[in-house]
Amino acid sequence: MGVPGERRRRMWRRVMVGWALLVAVAGGLTLWMQDSPEPRGPYVWQRTDPDEPPDLPPCPTTGEGGTVSCAYADLP
């Protein structure tokens, strides 16, 4: 036979190597399958007049006349 505990260490080593391979493969698949965060071109610069206010819808108001914060996003 061998040294006591050698079988356990060998099995533990195999489990850790298998886990590391699984993590590497899962990470690679995640990077491969994710969508690109950048929009596809062509990219065009738009000229704006800094003195002209942006054309945004009005903020909603509360019934009591309180203040409301608005945030707008340009979604595709």
Protein backbone atom coordinates (compact mmCIF):
# COMPACT_ATOMS: atom_id res chain seq x y z
CA MET A 1 0.00 0.00 0.00
CA GLY A 2 1.04 3.61 0.16
CA VAL A 3 1.42 6.26 2.76
CA PRO A 4 -1.78 6.78 4.77
CA GLY A 5 -3.72 9.76 3.49
CA GLU A 6 -2.10 9.72 0.06
CA ARG A 7 -5.30 8.49 -1.56
CA ARG A 8 -7.25 11.30 0.11
CA ARG A 9 -4.72 13.92 -1.05
CA ARG A 10 -4.78 12.59 -4.60
CA MET A 11 -8.57 12.73 -4.63
CA TRP A 12 -8.56 16.25 -3.15
CA ARG A 13 -6.06 17.35 -5.83
CA ARG A 14 -8.28 15.92 -8.59
CA VAL A 15 -11.32 17.72 -7.18
CA MET A 16 -9.44 21.03 -7.09
CA VAL A 17 -8.09 20.62 -10.64
CA GLY A 18 -11.60 19.76 -11.86
CA TRP A 19 -13.03 22.80 -10.08
CA ALA A 20 -10.36 25.08 -11.61
CA LEU A 21 -11.09 23.72 -15.09
CA LEU A 22 -14.82 24.21 -14.59
CA VAL A 23 -14.29 27.83 -13.50
CA ALA A 24 -12.01 28.53 -16.47
CA VAL A 25 -14.45 27.02 -18.98
CA ALA A 26 -17.44 28.83 -17.44
CA GLY A 27 -15.57 32.15 -17.51
CA GLY A 28 -14.59 31.64 -21.13
CA LEU A 29 -18.16 30.81 -22.10
CA THR A 30 -19.42 33.87 -20.26
CA LEU A 31 -17.03 36.16 -22.13
CA TRP A 32 -17.81 34.48 -25.45
CA MET A 33 -21.60 34.61 -25.06
CA GLN A 34 -22.02 38.13 -23.66
CA ASP A 35 -23.22 40.94 -25.90
CA SER A 36 -20.83 43.68 -26.86
CA PRO A 37 -21.34 46.76 -24.68
CA GLU A 38 -20.46 49.05 -27.57
CA PRO A 39 -23.08 49.82 -30.24
CA ARG A 40 -22.18 48.84 -33.77
CA GLY A 41 -21.02 51.68 -36.02
CA PRO A 42 -21.03 53.88 -37.97
CA TYR A 43 -20.32 56.51 -35.35
CA VAL A 44 -21.44 60.04 -36.13
CA TRP A 45 -20.72 63.26 -34.23
CA GLN A 46 -23.70 65.54 -33.74
CA ARG A 47 -23.34 69.30 -33.44
CA THR A 48 -25.40 70.96 -30.72
CA ASP A 49 -25.90 74.54 -29.68
CA PRO A 50 -24.79 74.89 -26.03
CA ASP A 51 -27.21 77.80 -25.52
CA GLU A 52 -30.23 75.78 -26.65
CA PRO A 53 -31.99 73.83 -23.88
CA PRO A 54 -32.42 70.12 -24.57
CA ASP A 55 -35.78 68.93 -25.86
CA LEU A 56 -36.93 66.77 -22.94
CA PRO A 57 -40.41 65.87 -21.70
CA PRO A 58 -41.53 67.73 -18.58
CA CYS A 59 -40.90 66.24 -15.14
CA PRO A 60 -43.94 64.82 -13.35
CA THR A 61 -45.32 66.90 -10.51
CA THR A 62 -46.72 65.89 -7.16
CA GLY A 63 -50.24 66.82 -6.10
CA GLU A 64 -48.94 68.76 -3.08
CA GLY A 65 -46.57 70.94 -5.10
CA GLY A 66 -43.41 69.17 -3.87
CA THR A 67 -40.22 68.93 -5.85
CA VAL A 68 -39.41 65.95 -8.04
CA SER A 69 -36.00 64.97 -9.40
CA CYS A 70 -35.89 63.79 -12.99
CA ALA A 71 -33.32 61.69 -14.81
CA TYR A 72 -33.36 61.01 -18.54
CA ALA A 73 -31.50 58.34 -20.45
CA ASP A 74 -31.04 57.90 -24.18
CA LEU A 75 -31.83 54.22 -24.74
CA PRO A 76 -31.63 52.48 -28.11
